[in-house]
mmCIF file of all heavy atoms, coordinates in Angstrom:
data_MODEL
# 
_entry.id   MODEL 
# 
loop_
_atom_site.group_PDB 
_atom_site.id 
_atom_site.type_symbol 
_atom_site.label_atom_id 
_atom_site.label_alt_id 
_atom_site.label_comp_id 
_atom_site.label_asym_id 
_atom_site.label_entity_id 
_atom_site.label_seq_id 
_atom_site.pdbx_PDB_ins_code 
_atom_site.Cartn_x 
_atom_site.Cartn_y 
_atom_site.Cartn_z 
_atom_site.occupancy 
_atom_site.B_iso_or_equiv 
_atom_site.pdbx_formal_charge 
_atom_site.auth_seq_id 
_atom_site.auth_comp_id 
_atom_site.auth_asym_id 
_atom_site.auth_atom_id 
_atom_site.pdbx_PDB_model_num 
ATOM 1   N N   . PHE A 1 1  ? -9.027  10.584 -2.655  1.00 0.00 ? 1  PHE A N   1 
ATOM 2   C CA  . PHE A 1 1  ? -9.353  10.856 -1.281  1.00 0.00 ? 1  PHE A CA  1 
ATOM 3   C C   . PHE A 1 1  ? -10.628 10.139 -0.887  1.00 0.00 ? 1  PHE A C   1 
ATOM 4   O O   . PHE A 1 1  ? -11.458 9.821  -1.740  1.00 0.00 ? 1  PHE A O   1 
ATOM 5   C CB  . PHE A 1 1  ? -9.505  12.397 -1.062  1.00 0.00 ? 1  PHE A CB  1 
ATOM 6   C CG  . PHE A 1 1  ? -10.574 13.055 -1.880  1.00 0.00 ? 1  PHE A CG  1 
ATOM 7   C CD1 . PHE A 1 1  ? -11.831 13.253 -1.311  1.00 0.00 ? 1  PHE A CD1 1 
ATOM 8   C CD2 . PHE A 1 1  ? -10.333 13.463 -3.164  1.00 0.00 ? 1  PHE A CD2 1 
ATOM 9   C CE1 . PHE A 1 1  ? -12.835 13.848 -2.081  1.00 0.00 ? 1  PHE A CE1 1 
ATOM 10  C CE2 . PHE A 1 1  ? -11.324 14.075 -3.917  1.00 0.00 ? 1  PHE A CE2 1 
ATOM 11  C CZ  . PHE A 1 1  ? -12.590 14.267 -3.403  1.00 0.00 ? 1  PHE A CZ  1 
ATOM 12  N N   . THR A 1 2  ? -10.810 9.924  0.348   1.00 0.00 ? 2  THR A N   1 
ATOM 13  C CA  . THR A 1 2  ? -12.063 9.413  0.922   1.00 0.00 ? 2  THR A CA  1 
ATOM 14  C C   . THR A 1 2  ? -12.740 10.550 1.585   1.00 0.00 ? 2  THR A C   1 
ATOM 15  O O   . THR A 1 2  ? -12.070 11.423 2.249   1.00 0.00 ? 2  THR A O   1 
ATOM 16  C CB  . THR A 1 2  ? -11.855 8.250  1.889   1.00 0.00 ? 2  THR A CB  1 
ATOM 17  O OG1 . THR A 1 2  ? -10.994 8.627  2.955   1.00 0.00 ? 2  THR A OG1 1 
ATOM 18  C CG2 . THR A 1 2  ? -11.267 7.066  1.152   1.00 0.00 ? 2  THR A CG2 1 
ATOM 19  N N   . ALA A 1 3  ? -14.078 10.613 1.534   1.00 0.00 ? 3  ALA A N   1 
ATOM 20  C CA  . ALA A 1 3  ? -14.804 11.772 2.112   1.00 0.00 ? 3  ALA A CA  1 
ATOM 21  C C   . ALA A 1 3  ? -16.199 11.306 2.517   1.00 0.00 ? 3  ALA A C   1 
ATOM 22  O O   . ALA A 1 3  ? -16.743 10.322 2.016   1.00 0.00 ? 3  ALA A O   1 
ATOM 23  C CB  . ALA A 1 3  ? -14.912 12.854 1.120   1.00 0.00 ? 3  ALA A CB  1 
ATOM 24  N N   . GLN A 1 4  ? -16.785 12.046 3.472   1.00 0.00 ? 4  GLN A N   1 
ATOM 25  C CA  . GLN A 1 4  ? -18.158 11.804 3.940   1.00 0.00 ? 4  GLN A CA  1 
ATOM 26  C C   . GLN A 1 4  ? -18.765 13.130 4.248   1.00 0.00 ? 4  GLN A C   1 
ATOM 27  O O   . GLN A 1 4  ? -18.080 14.173 4.327   1.00 0.00 ? 4  GLN A O   1 
ATOM 28  C CB  . GLN A 1 4  ? -18.085 10.937 5.145   1.00 0.00 ? 4  GLN A CB  1 
ATOM 29  C CG  . GLN A 1 4  ? -17.305 11.536 6.291   1.00 0.00 ? 4  GLN A CG  1 
ATOM 30  C CD  . GLN A 1 4  ? -17.538 10.870 7.649   1.00 0.00 ? 4  GLN A CD  1 
ATOM 31  O OE1 . GLN A 1 4  ? -18.575 10.929 8.217   1.00 0.00 ? 4  GLN A OE1 1 
ATOM 32  N NE2 . GLN A 1 4  ? -16.421 10.145 8.105   1.00 0.00 ? 4  GLN A NE2 1 
ATOM 33  N N   . ASP A 1 5  ? -20.085 13.176 4.442   1.00 0.00 ? 5  ASP A N   1 
ATOM 34  C CA  . ASP A 1 5  ? -20.762 14.296 5.007   1.00 0.00 ? 5  ASP A CA  1 
ATOM 35  C C   . ASP A 1 5  ? -21.868 13.814 5.991   1.00 0.00 ? 5  ASP A C   1 
ATOM 36  O O   . ASP A 1 5  ? -21.948 12.612 6.244   1.00 0.00 ? 5  ASP A O   1 
ATOM 37  C CB  . ASP A 1 5  ? -21.296 15.231 3.940   1.00 0.00 ? 5  ASP A CB  1 
ATOM 38  C CG  . ASP A 1 5  ? -22.335 14.651 3.015   1.00 0.00 ? 5  ASP A CG  1 
ATOM 39  O OD1 . ASP A 1 5  ? -23.109 13.759 3.489   1.00 0.00 ? 5  ASP A OD1 1 
ATOM 40  O OD2 . ASP A 1 5  ? -22.345 15.053 1.817   1.00 0.00 ? 5  ASP A OD2 1 
ATOM 41  N N   . GLU A 1 6  ? -22.727 14.723 6.393   1.00 0.00 ? 6  GLU A N   1 
ATOM 42  C CA  . GLU A 1 6  ? -23.707 14.327 7.443   1.00 0.00 ? 6  GLU A CA  1 
ATOM 43  C C   . GLU A 1 6  ? -24.771 13.417 6.961   1.00 0.00 ? 6  GLU A C   1 
ATOM 44  O O   . GLU A 1 6  ? -25.499 12.786 7.742   1.00 0.00 ? 6  GLU A O   1 
ATOM 45  C CB  . GLU A 1 6  ? -24.303 15.572 8.076   1.00 0.00 ? 6  GLU A CB  1 
ATOM 46  C CG  . GLU A 1 6  ? -24.933 16.604 7.071   1.00 0.00 ? 6  GLU A CG  1 
ATOM 47  C CD  . GLU A 1 6  ? -23.897 17.598 6.597   1.00 0.00 ? 6  GLU A CD  1 
ATOM 48  O OE1 . GLU A 1 6  ? -23.065 17.294 5.762   1.00 0.00 ? 6  GLU A OE1 1 
ATOM 49  O OE2 . GLU A 1 6  ? -23.949 18.747 7.092   1.00 0.00 ? 6  GLU A OE2 1 
ATOM 50  N N   . LEU A 1 7  ? -24.962 13.262 5.650   1.00 0.00 ? 7  LEU A N   1 
ATOM 51  C CA  . LEU A 1 7  ? -25.967 12.398 5.069   1.00 0.00 ? 7  LEU A CA  1 
ATOM 52  C C   . LEU A 1 7  ? -25.389 11.235 4.252   1.00 0.00 ? 7  LEU A C   1 
ATOM 53  O O   . LEU A 1 7  ? -26.134 10.297 3.860   1.00 0.00 ? 7  LEU A O   1 
ATOM 54  C CB  . LEU A 1 7  ? -26.927 13.168 4.178   1.00 0.00 ? 7  LEU A CB  1 
ATOM 55  C CG  . LEU A 1 7  ? -27.748 14.254 4.836   1.00 0.00 ? 7  LEU A CG  1 
ATOM 56  C CD1 . LEU A 1 7  ? -28.636 14.989 3.845   1.00 0.00 ? 7  LEU A CD1 1 
ATOM 57  C CD2 . LEU A 1 7  ? -28.534 13.789 6.003   1.00 0.00 ? 7  LEU A CD2 1 
ATOM 58  N N   . ASN A 1 8  ? -24.094 11.246 4.020   1.00 0.00 ? 8  ASN A N   1 
ATOM 59  C CA  . ASN A 1 8  ? -23.460 10.244 3.162   1.00 0.00 ? 8  ASN A CA  1 
ATOM 60  C C   . ASN A 1 8  ? -22.224 9.693  3.818   1.00 0.00 ? 8  ASN A C   1 
ATOM 61  O O   . ASN A 1 8  ? -21.231 10.429 3.994   1.00 0.00 ? 8  ASN A O   1 
ATOM 62  C CB  . ASN A 1 8  ? -23.086 10.895 1.820   1.00 0.00 ? 8  ASN A CB  1 
ATOM 63  C CG  . ASN A 1 8  ? -24.284 11.369 1.040   1.00 0.00 ? 8  ASN A CG  1 
ATOM 64  O OD1 . ASN A 1 8  ? -25.050 10.601 0.436   1.00 0.00 ? 8  ASN A OD1 1 
ATOM 65  N ND2 . ASN A 1 8  ? -24.485 12.706 1.062   1.00 0.00 ? 8  ASN A ND2 1 
ATOM 66  N N   . PRO A 1 9  ? -22.176 8.377  4.101   1.00 0.00 ? 9  PRO A N   1 
ATOM 67  C CA  . PRO A 1 9  ? -21.006 7.764  4.762   1.00 0.00 ? 9  PRO A CA  1 
ATOM 68  C C   . PRO A 1 9  ? -19.817 7.788  3.724   1.00 0.00 ? 9  PRO A C   1 
ATOM 69  O O   . PRO A 1 9  ? -19.944 8.152  2.603   1.00 0.00 ? 9  PRO A O   1 
ATOM 70  C CB  . PRO A 1 9  ? -21.424 6.325  5.000   1.00 0.00 ? 9  PRO A CB  1 
ATOM 71  C CG  . PRO A 1 9  ? -22.917 6.411  5.046   1.00 0.00 ? 9  PRO A CG  1 
ATOM 72  C CD  . PRO A 1 9  ? -23.341 7.442  4.057   1.00 0.00 ? 9  PRO A CD  1 
ATOM 73  N N   . THR A 1 10 ? -18.672 7.426  4.195   1.00 0.00 ? 10 THR A N   1 
ATOM 74  C CA  . THR A 1 10 ? -17.398 7.592  3.465   1.00 0.00 ? 10 THR A CA  1 
ATOM 75  C C   . THR A 1 10 ? -17.372 6.734  2.160   1.00 0.00 ? 10 THR A C   1 
ATOM 76  O O   . THR A 1 10 ? -17.692 5.587  2.159   1.00 0.00 ? 10 THR A O   1 
ATOM 77  C CB  . THR A 1 10 ? -16.190 7.179  4.354   1.00 0.00 ? 10 THR A CB  1 
ATOM 78  O OG1 . THR A 1 10 ? -16.283 7.959  5.537   1.00 0.00 ? 10 THR A OG1 1 
ATOM 79  C CG2 . THR A 1 10 ? -14.874 7.455  3.663   1.00 0.00 ? 10 THR A CG2 1 
ATOM 80  N N   . GLU A 1 11 ? -16.889 7.395  1.098   1.00 0.00 ? 11 GLU A N   1 
ATOM 81  C CA  . GLU A 1 11 ? -16.602 6.738  -0.145  1.00 0.00 ? 11 GLU A CA  1 
ATOM 82  C C   . GLU A 1 11 ? -15.286 7.247  -0.683  1.00 0.00 ? 11 GLU A C   1 
ATOM 83  O O   . GLU A 1 11 ? -14.723 8.215  -0.187  1.00 0.00 ? 11 GLU A O   1 
ATOM 84  C CB  . GLU A 1 11 ? -17.729 6.977  -1.153  1.00 0.00 ? 11 GLU A CB  1 
ATOM 85  C CG  . GLU A 1 11 ? -19.126 6.486  -0.788  1.00 0.00 ? 11 GLU A CG  1 
ATOM 86  C CD  . GLU A 1 11 ? -19.280 4.989  -0.856  1.00 0.00 ? 11 GLU A CD  1 
ATOM 87  O OE1 . GLU A 1 11 ? -18.333 4.298  -1.227  1.00 0.00 ? 11 GLU A OE1 1 
ATOM 88  O OE2 . GLU A 1 11 ? -20.418 4.503  -0.530  1.00 0.00 ? 11 GLU A OE2 1 
ATOM 89  N N   . LEU A 1 12 ? -14.788 6.585  -1.797  1.00 0.00 ? 12 LEU A N   1 
ATOM 90  C CA  . LEU A 1 12 ? -13.537 7.024  -2.404  1.00 0.00 ? 12 LEU A CA  1 
ATOM 91  C C   . LEU A 1 12 ? -13.830 7.870  -3.650  1.00 0.00 ? 12 LEU A C   1 
ATOM 92  O O   . LEU A 1 12 ? -14.746 7.587  -4.431  1.00 0.00 ? 12 LEU A O   1 
ATOM 93  C CB  . LEU A 1 12 ? -12.816 5.735  -2.871  1.00 0.00 ? 12 LEU A CB  1 
ATOM 94  C CG  . LEU A 1 12 ? -11.480 5.959  -3.658  1.00 0.00 ? 12 LEU A CG  1 
ATOM 95  C CD1 . LEU A 1 12 ? -10.440 6.673  -2.748  1.00 0.00 ? 12 LEU A CD1 1 
ATOM 96  C CD2 . LEU A 1 12 ? -10.934 4.668  -4.178  1.00 0.00 ? 12 LEU A CD2 1 
ATOM 97  N N   . TYR A 1 13 ? -13.060 8.921  -3.803  1.00 0.00 ? 13 TYR A N   1 
ATOM 98  C CA  . TYR A 1 13 ? -13.217 9.897  -4.917  1.00 0.00 ? 13 TYR A CA  1 
ATOM 99  C C   . TYR A 1 13 ? -11.844 10.123 -5.529  1.00 0.00 ? 13 TYR A C   1 
ATOM 100 O O   . TYR A 1 13 ? -10.777 9.930  -4.891  1.00 0.00 ? 13 TYR A O   1 
ATOM 101 C CB  . TYR A 1 13 ? -13.778 11.250 -4.369  1.00 0.00 ? 13 TYR A CB  1 
ATOM 102 C CG  . TYR A 1 13 ? -15.114 11.194 -3.719  1.00 0.00 ? 13 TYR A CG  1 
ATOM 103 C CD1 . TYR A 1 13 ? -15.284 10.730 -2.401  1.00 0.00 ? 13 TYR A CD1 1 
ATOM 104 C CD2 . TYR A 1 13 ? -16.289 11.523 -4.423  1.00 0.00 ? 13 TYR A CD2 1 
ATOM 105 C CE1 . TYR A 1 13 ? -16.551 10.654 -1.811  1.00 0.00 ? 13 TYR A CE1 1 
ATOM 106 C CE2 . TYR A 1 13 ? -17.500 11.512 -3.824  1.00 0.00 ? 13 TYR A CE2 1 
ATOM 107 C CZ  . TYR A 1 13 ? -17.639 11.056 -2.538  1.00 0.00 ? 13 TYR A CZ  1 
ATOM 108 O OH  . TYR A 1 13 ? -18.875 10.983 -1.941  1.00 0.00 ? 13 TYR A OH  1 
ATOM 109 N N   . VAL A 1 14 ? -11.850 10.639 -6.779  1.00 0.00 ? 14 VAL A N   1 
ATOM 110 C CA  . VAL A 1 14 ? -10.628 11.074 -7.413  1.00 0.00 ? 14 VAL A CA  1 
ATOM 111 C C   . VAL A 1 14 ? -10.870 12.463 -7.938  1.00 0.00 ? 14 VAL A C   1 
ATOM 112 O O   . VAL A 1 14 ? -11.975 12.833 -8.355  1.00 0.00 ? 14 VAL A O   1 
ATOM 113 C CB  . VAL A 1 14 ? -10.128 10.120 -8.544  1.00 0.00 ? 14 VAL A CB  1 
ATOM 114 C CG1 . VAL A 1 14 ? -9.859  8.756  -7.957  1.00 0.00 ? 14 VAL A CG1 1 
ATOM 115 C CG2 . VAL A 1 14 ? -11.189 10.045 -9.638  1.00 0.00 ? 14 VAL A CG2 1 
ATOM 116 N N   . LEU A 1 15 ? -9.739  13.242 -7.928  1.00 0.00 ? 15 LEU A N   1 
ATOM 117 C CA  . LEU A 1 15 ? -9.766  14.583 -8.534  1.00 0.00 ? 15 LEU A CA  1 
ATOM 118 C C   . LEU A 1 15 ? -8.721  14.626 -9.656  1.00 0.00 ? 15 LEU A C   1 
ATOM 119 O O   . LEU A 1 15 ? -7.544  14.474 -9.326  1.00 0.00 ? 15 LEU A O   1 
ATOM 120 C CB  . LEU A 1 15 ? -9.420  15.630 -7.482  1.00 0.00 ? 15 LEU A CB  1 
ATOM 121 C CG  . LEU A 1 15 ? -9.349  17.083 -7.924  1.00 0.00 ? 15 LEU A CG  1 
ATOM 122 C CD1 . LEU A 1 15 ? -10.699 17.598 -8.431  1.00 0.00 ? 15 LEU A CD1 1 
ATOM 123 C CD2 . LEU A 1 15 ? -8.828  17.980 -6.817  1.00 0.00 ? 15 LEU A CD2 1 
ATOM 124 N N   . ARG A 1 16 ? -9.130  14.743 -10.880 1.00 0.00 ? 16 ARG A N   1 
ATOM 125 C CA  . ARG A 1 16 ? -8.205  14.722 -12.018 1.00 0.00 ? 16 ARG A CA  1 
ATOM 126 C C   . ARG A 1 16 ? -8.554  15.841 -12.941 1.00 0.00 ? 16 ARG A C   1 
ATOM 127 O O   . ARG A 1 16 ? -9.709  15.974 -13.374 1.00 0.00 ? 16 ARG A O   1 
ATOM 128 C CB  . ARG A 1 16 ? -8.340  13.365 -12.745 1.00 0.00 ? 16 ARG A CB  1 
ATOM 129 C CG  . ARG A 1 16 ? -7.358  13.153 -13.852 1.00 0.00 ? 16 ARG A CG  1 
ATOM 130 C CD  . ARG A 1 16 ? -7.607  11.894 -14.644 1.00 0.00 ? 16 ARG A CD  1 
ATOM 131 N NE  . ARG A 1 16 ? -7.636  10.722 -13.750 1.00 0.00 ? 16 ARG A NE  1 
ATOM 132 C CZ  . ARG A 1 16 ? -7.765  9.447  -14.193 1.00 0.00 ? 16 ARG A CZ  1 
ATOM 133 N NH1 . ARG A 1 16 ? -7.901  9.245  -15.460 1.00 0.00 ? 16 ARG A NH1 1 
ATOM 134 N NH2 . ARG A 1 16 ? -7.809  8.451  -13.335 1.00 0.00 ? 16 ARG A NH2 1 
ATOM 135 N N   . ASP A 1 17 ? -7.620  16.680 -13.273 1.00 0.00 ? 17 ASP A N   1 
ATOM 136 C CA  . ASP A 1 17 ? -7.767  17.797 -14.196 1.00 0.00 ? 17 ASP A CA  1 
ATOM 137 C C   . ASP A 1 17 ? -8.902  18.713 -13.754 1.00 0.00 ? 17 ASP A C   1 
ATOM 138 O O   . ASP A 1 17 ? -9.679  19.194 -14.569 1.00 0.00 ? 17 ASP A O   1 
ATOM 139 C CB  . ASP A 1 17 ? -8.030  17.327 -15.620 1.00 0.00 ? 17 ASP A CB  1 
ATOM 140 C CG  . ASP A 1 17 ? -6.874  16.471 -16.142 1.00 0.00 ? 17 ASP A CG  1 
ATOM 141 O OD1 . ASP A 1 17 ? -5.689  16.768 -15.818 1.00 0.00 ? 17 ASP A OD1 1 
ATOM 142 O OD2 . ASP A 1 17 ? -7.100  15.505 -16.879 1.00 0.00 ? 17 ASP A OD2 1 
ATOM 143 N N   . GLY A 1 18 ? -8.982  18.919 -12.438 1.00 0.00 ? 18 GLY A N   1 
ATOM 144 C CA  . GLY A 1 18 ? -9.993  19.819 -11.882 1.00 0.00 ? 18 GLY A CA  1 
ATOM 145 C C   . GLY A 1 18 ? -11.389 19.245 -11.787 1.00 0.00 ? 18 GLY A C   1 
ATOM 146 O O   . GLY A 1 18 ? -12.305 19.890 -11.317 1.00 0.00 ? 18 GLY A O   1 
ATOM 147 N N   . ARG A 1 19 ? -11.580 17.948 -12.201 1.00 0.00 ? 19 ARG A N   1 
ATOM 148 C CA  . ARG A 1 19 ? -12.902 17.355 -12.165 1.00 0.00 ? 19 ARG A CA  1 
ATOM 149 C C   . ARG A 1 19 ? -12.873 16.209 -11.131 1.00 0.00 ? 19 ARG A C   1 
ATOM 150 O O   . ARG A 1 19 ? -11.984 15.384 -11.085 1.00 0.00 ? 19 ARG A O   1 
ATOM 151 C CB  . ARG A 1 19 ? -13.263 16.740 -13.530 1.00 0.00 ? 19 ARG A CB  1 
ATOM 152 C CG  . ARG A 1 19 ? -13.375 17.771 -14.639 1.00 0.00 ? 19 ARG A CG  1 
ATOM 153 C CD  . ARG A 1 19 ? -13.753 17.147 -15.963 1.00 0.00 ? 19 ARG A CD  1 
ATOM 154 N NE  . ARG A 1 19 ? -15.011 16.469 -15.896 1.00 0.00 ? 19 ARG A NE  1 
ATOM 155 C CZ  . ARG A 1 19 ? -15.567 15.744 -16.879 1.00 0.00 ? 19 ARG A CZ  1 
ATOM 156 N NH1 . ARG A 1 19 ? -14.872 15.610 -18.021 1.00 0.00 ? 19 ARG A NH1 1 
ATOM 157 N NH2 . ARG A 1 19 ? -16.713 15.188 -16.726 1.00 0.00 ? 19 ARG A NH2 1 
ATOM 158 N N   . GLU A 1 20 ? -13.910 16.254 -10.282 1.00 0.00 ? 20 GLU A N   1 
ATOM 159 C CA  . GLU A 1 20 ? -14.018 15.259 -9.183  1.00 0.00 ? 20 GLU A CA  1 
ATOM 160 C C   . GLU A 1 20 ? -14.993 14.184 -9.577  1.00 0.00 ? 20 GLU A C   1 
ATOM 161 O O   . GLU A 1 20 ? -16.032 14.407 -10.214 1.00 0.00 ? 20 GLU A O   1 
ATOM 162 C CB  . GLU A 1 20 ? -14.510 16.012 -7.950  1.00 0.00 ? 20 GLU A CB  1 
ATOM 163 C CG  . GLU A 1 20 ? -14.586 15.155 -6.734  1.00 0.00 ? 20 GLU A CG  1 
ATOM 164 C CD  . GLU A 1 20 ? -15.104 15.926 -5.530  1.00 0.00 ? 20 GLU A CD  1 
ATOM 165 O OE1 . GLU A 1 20 ? -14.576 17.027 -5.240  1.00 0.00 ? 20 GLU A OE1 1 
ATOM 166 O OE2 . GLU A 1 20 ? -16.043 15.382 -4.822  1.00 0.00 ? 20 GLU A OE2 1 
ATOM 167 N N   . ARG A 1 21 ? -14.643 12.946 -9.240  1.00 0.00 ? 21 ARG A N   1 
ATOM 168 C CA  . ARG A 1 21 ? -15.524 11.799 -9.537  1.00 0.00 ? 21 ARG A CA  1 
ATOM 169 C C   . ARG A 1 21 ? -15.556 10.782 -8.367  1.00 0.00 ? 21 ARG A C   1 
ATOM 170 O O   . ARG A 1 21 ? -14.506 10.513 -7.785  1.00 0.00 ? 21 ARG A O   1 
ATOM 171 C CB  . ARG A 1 21 ? -15.024 11.142 -10.799 1.00 0.00 ? 21 ARG A CB  1 
ATOM 172 C CG  . ARG A 1 21 ? -15.959 10.065 -11.394 1.00 0.00 ? 21 ARG A CG  1 
ATOM 173 C CD  . ARG A 1 21 ? -15.692 9.749  -12.811 1.00 0.00 ? 21 ARG A CD  1 
ATOM 174 N NE  . ARG A 1 21 ? -14.337 9.216  -13.002 1.00 0.00 ? 21 ARG A NE  1 
ATOM 175 C CZ  . ARG A 1 21 ? -14.074 7.901  -13.114 1.00 0.00 ? 21 ARG A CZ  1 
ATOM 176 N NH1 . ARG A 1 21 ? -15.073 7.009  -12.998 1.00 0.00 ? 21 ARG A NH1 1 
ATOM 177 N NH2 . ARG A 1 21 ? -12.846 7.484  -13.372 1.00 0.00 ? 21 ARG A NH2 1 
ATOM 178 N N   . ARG A 1 22 ? -16.740 10.368 -8.078  1.00 0.00 ? 22 ARG A N   1 
ATOM 179 C CA  . ARG A 1 22 ? -16.856 9.319  -7.084  1.00 0.00 ? 22 ARG A CA  1 
ATOM 180 C C   . ARG A 1 22 ? -16.557 7.979  -7.676  1.00 0.00 ? 22 ARG A C   1 
ATOM 181 O O   . ARG A 1 22 ? -17.123 7.589  -8.747  1.00 0.00 ? 22 ARG A O   1 
ATOM 182 C CB  . ARG A 1 22 ? -18.319 9.355  -6.493  1.00 0.00 ? 22 ARG A CB  1 
ATOM 183 C CG  . ARG A 1 22 ? -18.600 8.351  -5.480  1.00 0.00 ? 22 ARG A CG  1 
ATOM 184 C CD  . ARG A 1 22 ? -20.002 8.516  -4.950  1.00 0.00 ? 22 ARG A CD  1 
ATOM 185 N NE  . ARG A 1 22 ? -20.436 7.353  -4.147  1.00 0.00 ? 22 ARG A NE  1 
ATOM 186 C CZ  . ARG A 1 22 ? -21.660 7.227  -3.626  1.00 0.00 ? 22 ARG A CZ  1 
ATOM 187 N NH1 . ARG A 1 22 ? -22.524 8.208  -3.784  1.00 0.00 ? 22 ARG A NH1 1 
ATOM 188 N NH2 . ARG A 1 22 ? -21.976 6.125  -2.930  1.00 0.00 ? 22 ARG A NH2 1 
ATOM 189 N N   . ILE A 1 23 ? -15.759 7.176  -6.948  1.00 0.00 ? 23 ILE A N   1 
ATOM 190 C CA  . ILE A 1 23 ? -15.304 5.876  -7.484  1.00 0.00 ? 23 ILE A CA  1 
ATOM 191 C C   . ILE A 1 23 ? -16.057 4.696  -6.890  1.00 0.00 ? 23 ILE A C   1 
ATOM 192 O O   . ILE A 1 23 ? -16.313 3.697  -7.581  1.00 0.00 ? 23 ILE A O   1 
ATOM 193 C CB  . ILE A 1 23 ? -13.815 5.715  -7.227  1.00 0.00 ? 23 ILE A CB  1 
ATOM 194 C CG1 . ILE A 1 23 ? -12.985 6.833  -7.958  1.00 0.00 ? 23 ILE A CG1 1 
ATOM 195 C CG2 . ILE A 1 23 ? -13.299 4.402  -7.675  1.00 0.00 ? 23 ILE A CG2 1 
ATOM 196 C CD1 . ILE A 1 23 ? -13.232 6.814  -9.440  1.00 0.00 ? 23 ILE A CD1 1 
ATOM 197 N N   . THR A 1 24 ? -16.411 4.768  -5.601  1.00 0.00 ? 24 THR A N   1 
ATOM 198 C CA  . THR A 1 24 ? -17.059 3.639  -4.936  1.00 0.00 ? 24 THR A CA  1 
ATOM 199 C C   . THR A 1 24 ? -18.493 3.930  -4.532  1.00 0.00 ? 24 THR A C   1 
ATOM 200 O O   . THR A 1 24 ? -18.856 5.116  -4.312  1.00 0.00 ? 24 THR A O   1 
ATOM 201 C CB  . THR A 1 24 ? -16.244 3.205  -3.702  1.00 0.00 ? 24 THR A CB  1 
ATOM 202 O OG1 . THR A 1 24 ? -16.213 4.231  -2.749  1.00 0.00 ? 24 THR A OG1 1 
ATOM 203 C CG2 . THR A 1 24 ? -14.837 2.771  -4.106  1.00 0.00 ? 24 THR A CG2 1 
# 
């Protein structure tokens, strides 16, 4: 998934086996 918040522009993340990791 791609995600952002109010202080961080959009990046790509993966969720695998309950663990989330930022990819880009």
